[in-house]
Amino acid sequence: MSSVVYGYEDLLESVYTLLETFGYEVLMSHKGTVPIDPDNSAMTSCLEAAQRCAARMDVDILKANSEAVLQALELPYRVVIVCTGELGRGQVKKYDIETYMPSRGSYGETHSASSFGQFQARRLNLRYRDRDNKLHFCQTLNNTVIASPRILISILELYQNVDGSITIPSALRPYMNGRERIVAG
């Protein structure tokens, strides 16, 4: 399945068009559509909405990068979208990626990707200035692209041969001087 990734400028243009056409901002929350007071800065509202959209998309890009690593290693995995009740402090959206571990007979978390919105940036006072020199808080992301001790469980168990040797996944062979197997002794 392929997906189209839009850039930040595309998001801004879409939100500006929405505002100009309909005169309201669609908030990404349970509150639905909220009219914009003409006395407020509509462009600031649009910029903030576009930045929230971009941060949500960026966490999907991080997830895709993690999946690409597992696909290159040819390991079975599954993606879990973490429910709201299980999110950690400040997390807005989170994916856990779990890789199959035969000794457990189940999947275990080996990757995660999270969006924290402005939570971390506010605590760190991490801001940027826009073209009009106005300060805004950044959107922050967190990604464990691969948890090395845990991924070794999957690699060693899934690539182990009957004689006890380990076949090195083809994606790792260039980093192993072209070796194809690890043998004891």
Protein backbone atom coordinates (compact mmCIF):
# COMPACT_ATOMS: atom_id res chain seq x y z
CA MET A 1 0.00 0.00 0.00
CA SER A 2 1.48 3.33 -1.00
CA SER A 3 0.58 6.63 0.55
CA VAL A 4 0.94 10.21 -0.60
CA VAL A 5 2.98 12.39 1.72
CA TYR A 6 2.21 16.08 1.52
CA GLY A 7 4.74 18.74 2.42
CA TYR A 8 4.25 21.48 4.97
CA GLU A 9 3.62 24.08 2.26
CA ASP A 10 0.87 21.87 0.76
CA LEU A 11 -0.79 21.68 4.15
CA LEU A 12 -0.63 25.44 4.60
CA GLU A 13 -2.14 26.00 1.17
CA SER A 14 -4.97 23.56 1.89
CA VAL A 15 -5.79 25.14 5.22
CA TYR A 16 -5.65 28.67 3.76
CA THR A 17 -7.97 27.59 0.93
CA LEU A 18 -10.37 26.06 3.42
CA LEU A 19 -10.40 29.25 5.46
CA GLU A 20 -10.88 31.53 2.45
CA THR A 21 -13.62 29.34 0.97
CA PHE A 22 -15.66 28.48 4.05
CA GLY A 23 -14.60 31.06 6.63
CA TYR A 24 -14.06 28.54 9.42
CA GLU A 25 -11.38 26.29 10.85
CA VAL A 26 -11.88 22.56 11.18
CA LEU A 27 -10.26 21.59 14.43
CA MET A 28 -8.87 18.09 14.85
CA SER A 29 -10.71 17.40 18.08
CA HIS A 30 -14.05 16.30 19.43
CA LYS A 31 -15.31 19.88 19.22
CA GLY A 32 -15.83 19.67 15.46
CA THR A 33 -16.20 22.84 13.43
CA VAL A 34 -15.60 26.07 15.29
CA PRO A 35 -16.36 29.49 13.72
CA ILE A 36 -13.44 31.92 13.62
CA ASP A 37 -13.99 35.29 15.21
CA PRO A 38 -13.07 37.95 12.57
CA ASP A 39 -11.23 39.91 15.28
CA ASN A 40 -8.79 37.01 15.77
CA SER A 41 -5.84 36.33 13.52
CA ALA A 42 -7.16 33.76 11.05
CA MET A 43 -3.74 33.20 9.52
CA THR A 44 -2.26 32.33 12.91
CA SER A 45 -5.03 29.79 13.43
CA CYS A 46 -4.33 28.31 10.00
CA LEU A 47 -0.60 28.12 10.63
CA GLU A 48 -1.12 26.35 13.93
CA ALA A 49 -3.62 23.91 12.39
CA ALA A 50 -1.23 23.15 9.52
CA GLN A 51 1.63 22.58 11.95
CA ARG A 52 -0.49 20.11 13.94
CA CYS A 53 -1.29 18.27 10.69
CA ALA A 54 2.37 18.18 9.69
CA ALA A 55 3.42 16.77 13.08
CA ARG A 56 0.81 14.01 12.80
CA MET A 57 2.07 13.14 9.32
CA ASP A 58 5.71 13.18 10.41
CA VAL A 59 5.10 10.46 13.00
CA ASP A 60 3.72 8.35 10.15
CA ILE A 61 6.94 8.95 8.22
CA LEU A 62 8.97 7.80 11.25
CA LYS A 63 6.81 4.68 11.46
CA ALA A 64 7.37 4.00 7.76
CA ASN A 65 11.15 4.28 8.26
CA SER A 66 11.00 1.72 11.07
CA GLU A 67 8.90 -0.59 8.92
CA ALA A 68 11.43 -0.27 6.09
CA VAL A 69 14.16 -1.56 8.43
CA LEU A 70 12.10 -4.63 9.31
CA GLN A 71 11.18 -5.24 5.69
CA ALA A 72 14.87 -5.08 4.72
CA LEU A 73 15.64 -7.61 7.48
CA GLU A 74 12.71 -9.76 6.25
CA LEU A 75 11.32 -10.11 9.76
CA PRO A 76 7.62 -10.65 10.50
CA TYR A 77 6.12 -7.68 12.35
CA ARG A 78 2.89 -5.92 13.17
CA VAL A 79 2.02 -2.28 13.80
CA VAL A 80 -0.02 -1.32 16.85
CA ILE A 81 -1.71 2.08 17.06
CA VAL A 82 -1.59 2.76 20.79
CA CYS A 83 -4.99 3.70 22.23
CA THR A 84 -5.45 6.95 24.11
CA GLY A 85 -5.66 5.24 27.50
CA GLU A 86 -2.20 3.71 26.99
CA LEU A 87 -0.38 6.82 25.75
CA GLY A 88 2.43 8.10 27.92
CA ARG A 89 2.53 11.57 29.40
CA GLY A 90 2.35 14.20 26.68
CA GLN A 91 1.99 11.77 23.79
CA VAL A 92 -0.58 12.72 21.15
CA LYS A 93 -0.18 9.73 18.83
CA LYS A 94 1.96 6.62 19.12
CA TYR A 95 2.77 3.52 17.11
CA ASP A 96 4.45 0.45 18.55
CA ILE A 97 5.97 -1.98 16.09
CA GLU A 98 6.29 -5.51 17.33
CA THR A 99 8.50 -8.20 15.79
CA TYR A 100 7.80 -11.91 16.05
CA MET A 101 9.91 -13.78 18.64
CA PRO A 102 9.55 -17.59 18.34
CA SER A 103 10.77 -18.36 21.88
CA ARG A 104 7.92 -16.26 23.26
CA GLY A 105 5.43 -17.55 20.71
CA SER A 106 4.31 -13.97 20.23
CA TYR A 107 5.34 -10.51 19.11
CA GLY A 108 7.47 -8.16 21.20
CA GLU A 109 7.94 -4.40 20.88
CA THR A 110 11.08 -3.51 18.96
CA HIS A 111 10.23 -0.02 17.66
CA SER A 112 8.06 2.94 18.56
CA ALA A 113 7.20 6.31 17.03
CA SER A 114 5.39 9.09 18.93
CA SER A 115 4.15 12.62 18.41
CA PHE A 116 4.20 14.85 21.49
CA GLY A 117 2.60 17.90 19.92
CA GLN A 118 3.92 20.93 21.80
CA PHE A 119 4.24 19.14 25.17
CA GLN A 120 8.03 18.68 25.19
CA ALA A 121 8.66 21.99 23.42
CA ARG A 122 6.73 23.91 26.06
CA ARG A 123 8.66 22.22 28.87
CA LEU A 124 11.95 23.08 27.12
CA ASN A 125 10.74 26.47 25.87
CA LEU A 126 11.72 25.29 22.38
CA ARG A 127 10.35 27.83 19.90
CA TYR A 128 10.88 29.19 16.41
CA ARG A 129 10.12 32.48 14.70
CA ASP A 130 7.90 32.61 11.63
CA ARG A 131 8.30 34.96 8.66
CA ASP A 132 6.53 37.71 10.63
CA ASN A 133 8.98 37.25 13.52
CA LYS A 134 6.26 35.77 15.75
CA LEU A 135 7.27 33.02 18.18
CA HIS A 136 5.64 29.58 18.03
CA PHE A 137 6.26 26.40 19.99
CA CYS A 138 7.67 23.53 17.95
CA GLN A 139 6.00 20.16 17.49
CA THR A 140 8.19 17.31 18.77
CA LEU A 141 8.53 13.67 17.77
CA ASN A 142 10.22 10.65 19.32
CA ASN A 143 11.34 7.50 17.53
CA THR A 144 13.10 4.31 18.50
CA VAL A 145 13.99 3.14 15.02
CA ILE A 146 15.27 -0.16 16.37
CA ALA A 147 15.75 -1.47 19.92
CA SER A 148 18.99 -3.39 19.34
CA PRO A 149 18.86 -5.91 22.23
CA ARG A 150 15.24 -6.85 21.46
CA ILE A 151 15.64 -7.09 17.68
CA LEU A 152 18.53 -9.51 18.21
CA ILE A 153 16.06 -11.99 19.73
CA SER A 154 14.07 -12.04 16.50
CA ILE A 155 17.12 -12.12 14.23
CA LEU A 156 18.87 -14.91 16.12
CA GLU A 157 15.77 -17.04 16.54
CA LEU A 158 14.31 -16.59 13.06
CA TYR A 159 17.62 -16.98 11.23
CA GLN A 160 19.00 -19.88 13.28
CA ASN A 161 19.76 -23.04 11.31
CA VAL A 162 19.41 -26.67 12.45
CA ASP A 163 23.19 -26.89 13.06
CA GLY A 164 23.04 -23.88 15.42
CA SER A 165 24.61 -21.43 12.97
CA ILE A 166 22.91 -18.12 12.19
CA THR A 167 22.24 -17.01 8.62
CA ILE A 168 23.00 -13.31 8.40
CA PRO A 169 20.10 -11.37 6.84
CA SER A 170 21.12 -10.17 3.37
CA ALA A 171 20.57 -6.52 4.36
CA LEU A 172 23.26 -6.88 7.08
CA ARG A 173 25.88 -8.74 5.01
CA PRO A 174 27.59 -5.60 3.66
CA TYR A 175 28.25 -4.61 7.30
CA MET A 176 29.57 -8.08 8.11
CA ASN A 177 32.30 -8.09 5.43
CA GLY A 178 30.06 -10.16 3.16
CA ARG A 179 29.72 -13.05 5.63
CA GLU A 180 26.62 -15.16 5.11
CA ARG A 181 26.66 -17.14 8.34
CA ILE A 182 27.81 -16.99 11.93
CA VAL A 183 29.04 -20.35 13.24
CA ALA A 184 30.00 -21.31 16.77
CA GLY A 185 33.61 -21.74 17.67
